């Protein structure tokens, strides 16, 4: 069973991102503040859930949360700042969107940069595989994943050659074959190794 909080008795927000390893599309992050001593036995790391479960839980999270928000960093911004900084920036933007100022942040993973709000640094704790340990991080992982999936399905309507409606922009054989045949789009991350080991004359740099 996932834990309700890392630090008891304060306003704590869980943060996670989705889309870090993709070849295309924005990276999405979410920040979630759940009620004190909140429990939901179905909440888990989004990767351990089916798509149907994730969307059902999204409705529940949005209904139950004290506050939640999304943060987005575009593919162009990712190319400018690198994916690690982009992931952290997306989480910062999600925290910016919270209507309640958290007193502590718990972050999935082991990398984060100090977050300031109203001139003060909010303490944070990074937790490896935190989305499988704390409810608020699991909730954030579900929101980030489902909203990013929705976004990639919309992009698929515009560019149907890459399988984004089901691979969400990850480096599958289908996705890379689409790049090989049709080239890149404005949503591809041009600083990523888009074709893997294959080297072709395409308008991007490895």
Protein backbone atom coordinates (compact mmCIF):
# COMPACT_ATOMS: atom_id res chain seq x y z
CA UNK A 1 0.00 0.00 0.00
CA UNK A 2 1.31 3.44 -0.93
CA UNK A 3 2.04 5.98 1.79
CA UNK A 4 -0.06 9.10 2.29
CA UNK A 5 2.84 11.48 2.95
CA UNK A 6 6.57 11.80 3.42
CA UNK A 7 6.39 14.53 6.06
CA UNK A 8 3.39 14.50 8.32
CA UNK A 9 1.37 17.55 9.30
CA UNK A 10 2.30 19.90 6.44
CA UNK A 11 0.99 20.67 2.94
CA UNK A 12 2.90 18.31 0.67
CA UNK A 13 2.78 18.09 -3.12
CA UNK A 14 3.86 15.08 -5.15
CA UNK A 15 5.43 15.67 -8.57
CA UNK A 16 6.18 13.47 -11.56
CA UNK A 17 6.70 13.80 -15.31
CA UNK A 18 5.84 11.83 -18.44
CA UNK A 19 7.47 11.68 -21.85
CA UNK A 20 11.09 12.14 -20.90
CA UNK A 21 12.30 9.28 -23.11
CA UNK A 22 10.20 10.14 -26.17
CA UNK A 23 11.52 11.21 -29.55
CA UNK A 24 8.67 13.64 -30.15
CA UNK A 25 6.24 15.84 -28.30
CA UNK A 26 6.32 17.92 -25.16
CA UNK A 27 7.26 16.61 -21.74
CA UNK A 28 4.36 16.84 -19.28
CA UNK A 29 4.53 17.07 -15.51
CA UNK A 30 1.93 17.19 -12.77
CA UNK A 31 1.86 18.31 -9.15
CA UNK A 32 -0.80 17.03 -6.78
CA UNK A 33 -1.75 17.91 -3.21
CA UNK A 34 -3.99 15.26 -1.64
CA UNK A 35 -6.02 15.62 1.57
CA UNK A 36 -4.28 14.64 4.84
CA UNK A 37 -4.27 10.86 5.44
CA UNK A 38 -5.78 10.27 2.00
CA UNK A 39 -6.15 6.63 0.97
CA UNK A 40 -6.94 4.99 -2.34
CA UNK A 41 -5.93 1.36 -2.74
CA UNK A 42 -6.16 1.58 -6.53
CA UNK A 43 -3.60 4.36 -6.88
CA UNK A 44 -0.24 3.15 -8.17
CA UNK A 45 2.61 4.02 -10.49
CA UNK A 46 0.91 4.82 -13.81
CA UNK A 47 3.13 2.28 -15.60
CA UNK A 48 1.56 -0.50 -13.49
CA UNK A 49 -1.99 0.40 -14.55
CA UNK A 50 -4.02 -0.17 -17.69
CA UNK A 51 -5.08 2.82 -19.77
CA UNK A 52 -8.68 2.33 -18.58
CA UNK A 53 -7.56 2.34 -14.94
CA UNK A 54 -5.48 5.47 -15.44
CA UNK A 55 -8.36 7.44 -16.92
CA UNK A 56 -10.77 6.28 -14.22
CA UNK A 57 -8.27 7.29 -11.56
CA UNK A 58 -7.68 10.65 -13.24
CA UNK A 59 -11.31 11.59 -12.61
CA UNK A 60 -11.03 10.43 -8.99
CA UNK A 61 -7.78 12.32 -8.41
CA UNK A 62 -9.13 15.54 -9.86
CA UNK A 63 -12.24 15.23 -7.70
CA UNK A 64 -10.43 14.37 -4.47
CA UNK A 65 -7.27 16.47 -4.68
CA UNK A 66 -6.89 19.63 -2.63
CA UNK A 67 -5.07 21.05 -5.66
CA UNK A 68 -3.51 19.79 -8.88
CA UNK A 69 -1.85 21.32 -11.92
CA UNK A 70 0.04 20.45 -15.08
CA UNK A 71 3.30 21.83 -16.46
CA UNK A 72 4.44 21.49 -20.08
CA UNK A 73 7.77 22.00 -21.86
CA UNK A 74 7.72 21.85 -25.68
CA UNK A 75 10.02 19.88 -27.96
CA UNK A 76 11.69 23.12 -29.04
CA UNK A 77 12.37 24.03 -25.43
CA UNK A 78 13.71 20.53 -24.77
CA UNK A 79 16.21 20.98 -27.61
CA UNK A 80 17.27 24.32 -26.15
CA UNK A 81 17.70 23.26 -22.53
CA UNK A 82 18.22 19.42 -22.61
CA UNK A 83 15.74 16.84 -21.39
CA UNK A 84 16.79 16.73 -17.72
CA UNK A 85 16.37 20.47 -17.26
CA UNK A 86 13.18 20.36 -19.33
CA UNK A 87 11.70 17.68 -17.06
CA UNK A 88 12.51 19.73 -13.97
CA UNK A 89 11.17 22.90 -15.62
CA UNK A 90 7.90 21.09 -16.41
CA UNK A 91 7.60 20.12 -12.74
CA UNK A 92 8.34 23.71 -11.67
CA UNK A 93 5.60 24.93 -14.01
CA UNK A 94 3.18 22.39 -12.56
CA UNK A 95 3.96 23.60 -9.04
CA UNK A 96 3.50 27.18 -10.27
CA UNK A 97 -0.05 26.23 -11.19
CA UNK A 98 -1.08 24.96 -7.78
CA UNK A 99 -3.61 27.29 -6.20
CA UNK A 100 -2.27 26.35 -2.76
CA UNK A 101 1.38 26.89 -1.85
CA UNK A 102 2.92 23.58 -0.73
CA UNK A 103 5.26 23.45 2.24
CA UNK A 104 7.18 20.42 1.00
CA UNK A 105 7.66 18.73 -2.37
CA UNK A 106 8.25 15.05 -3.04
CA UNK A 107 9.74 14.40 -6.44
CA UNK A 108 9.89 11.15 -8.38
CA UNK A 109 13.48 10.33 -9.31
CA UNK A 110 16.80 11.59 -8.03
CA UNK A 111 17.25 14.93 -9.83
CA UNK A 112 15.58 18.25 -9.06
CA UNK A 113 16.48 21.92 -8.80
CA UNK A 114 15.32 24.10 -5.89
CA UNK A 115 11.90 25.60 -6.45
CA UNK A 116 11.15 29.15 -5.30
CA UNK A 117 7.74 30.63 -4.69
CA UNK A 118 7.09 34.09 -3.34
CA UNK A 119 10.82 34.49 -2.83
CA UNK A 120 11.21 31.40 -0.66
CA UNK A 121 12.66 28.00 -1.49
CA UNK A 122 10.19 25.19 -0.83
CA UNK A 123 12.01 22.17 0.66
CA UNK A 124 11.98 19.07 -1.50
CA UNK A 125 12.87 15.39 -1.28
CA UNK A 126 13.71 13.27 -4.31
CA UNK A 127 12.53 9.66 -4.14
CA UNK A 128 13.65 6.99 -6.59
CA UNK A 129 10.58 5.09 -7.84
CA UNK A 130 8.49 7.42 -5.73
CA UNK A 131 5.46 6.85 -7.95
CA UNK A 132 5.28 3.35 -6.49
CA UNK A 133 5.73 4.54 -2.89
CA UNK A 134 3.67 7.71 -2.30
CA UNK A 135 0.09 8.42 -3.26
CA UNK A 136 0.63 12.03 -4.32
CA UNK A 137 3.49 11.10 -6.67
CA UNK A 138 1.44 8.22 -8.09
CA UNK A 139 -1.44 10.63 -8.65
CA UNK A 140 0.90 13.07 -10.40
CA UNK A 141 2.23 10.27 -12.60
CA UNK A 142 -1.30 9.37 -13.68
CA UNK A 143 -2.24 12.95 -14.54
CA UNK A 144 0.99 13.59 -16.43
CA UNK A 145 0.71 10.33 -18.36
CA UNK A 146 -2.96 10.60 -19.34
CA UNK A 147 -2.86 14.25 -20.37
CA UNK A 148 0.28 13.64 -22.40
CA UNK A 149 -1.31 10.61 -24.07
CA UNK A 150 -4.31 12.79 -25.00
CA UNK A 151 -1.94 15.37 -26.49
CA UNK A 152 -0.04 12.79 -28.55
CA UNK A 153 -3.30 11.35 -29.89
CA UNK A 154 -4.23 14.82 -31.11
CA UNK A 155 -0.82 15.21 -32.79
CA UNK A 156 -1.36 11.81 -34.44
CA UNK A 157 -4.35 13.23 -36.31
CA UNK A 158 -2.04 15.80 -37.89
CA UNK A 159 0.90 13.41 -38.45
CA UNK A 160 -0.43 9.83 -38.71
CA UNK A 161 2.83 8.26 -39.92
CA UNK A 162 4.51 7.55 -36.58
CA UNK A 163 1.98 5.65 -34.46
CA UNK A 164 1.74 8.37 -31.83
CA UNK A 165 -1.82 7.35 -30.95
CA UNK A 166 -0.42 4.21 -29.33
CA UNK A 167 3.34 4.69 -28.87
CA UNK A 168 3.01 8.24 -27.48
CA UNK A 169 6.21 9.29 -29.24
CA UNK A 170 8.50 6.68 -27.69
CA UNK A 171 11.32 5.21 -29.83
CA UNK A 172 9.52 2.18 -31.24
CA UNK A 173 10.48 0.50 -34.53
CA UNK A 174 7.29 1.90 -36.05
CA UNK A 175 8.11 5.44 -34.96
CA UNK A 176 11.66 5.29 -36.29
CA UNK A 177 10.48 3.73 -39.55
CA UNK A 178 8.06 6.64 -39.93
CA UNK A 179 10.93 9.11 -39.49
CA UNK A 180 13.02 7.20 -42.03
CA UNK A 181 10.25 7.33 -44.64
CA UNK A 182 8.52 10.65 -43.93
CA UNK A 183 11.21 12.68 -42.19
CA UNK A 184 10.74 14.75 -39.06
CA UNK A 185 7.94 17.03 -37.88
CA UNK A 186 7.94 20.27 -35.86
CA UNK A 187 7.23 18.09 -32.81
CA UNK A 188 10.35 15.93 -33.04
CA UNK A 189 13.19 16.55 -30.58
CA UNK A 190 15.99 17.30 -32.98
CA UNK A 191 18.77 16.82 -30.42
CA UNK A 192 17.68 13.21 -29.80
CA UNK A 193 19.03 10.16 -31.66
CA UNK A 194 15.92 9.83 -33.78
CA UNK A 195 16.96 6.83 -35.89
CA UNK A 196 19.04 4.87 -33.42
CA UNK A 197 21.98 3.20 -35.13
CA UNK A 198 20.77 4.15 -38.61
CA UNK A 199 22.39 7.19 -40.21
CA UNK A 200 20.41 8.98 -42.94
CA UNK A 201 20.52 12.39 -44.56
CA UNK A 202 17.63 13.98 -42.68
CA UNK A 203 17.21 17.58 -41.51
CA UNK A 204 18.37 17.07 -37.94
CA UNK A 205 21.63 16.71 -36.02
CA UNK A 206 22.53 13.73 -33.86
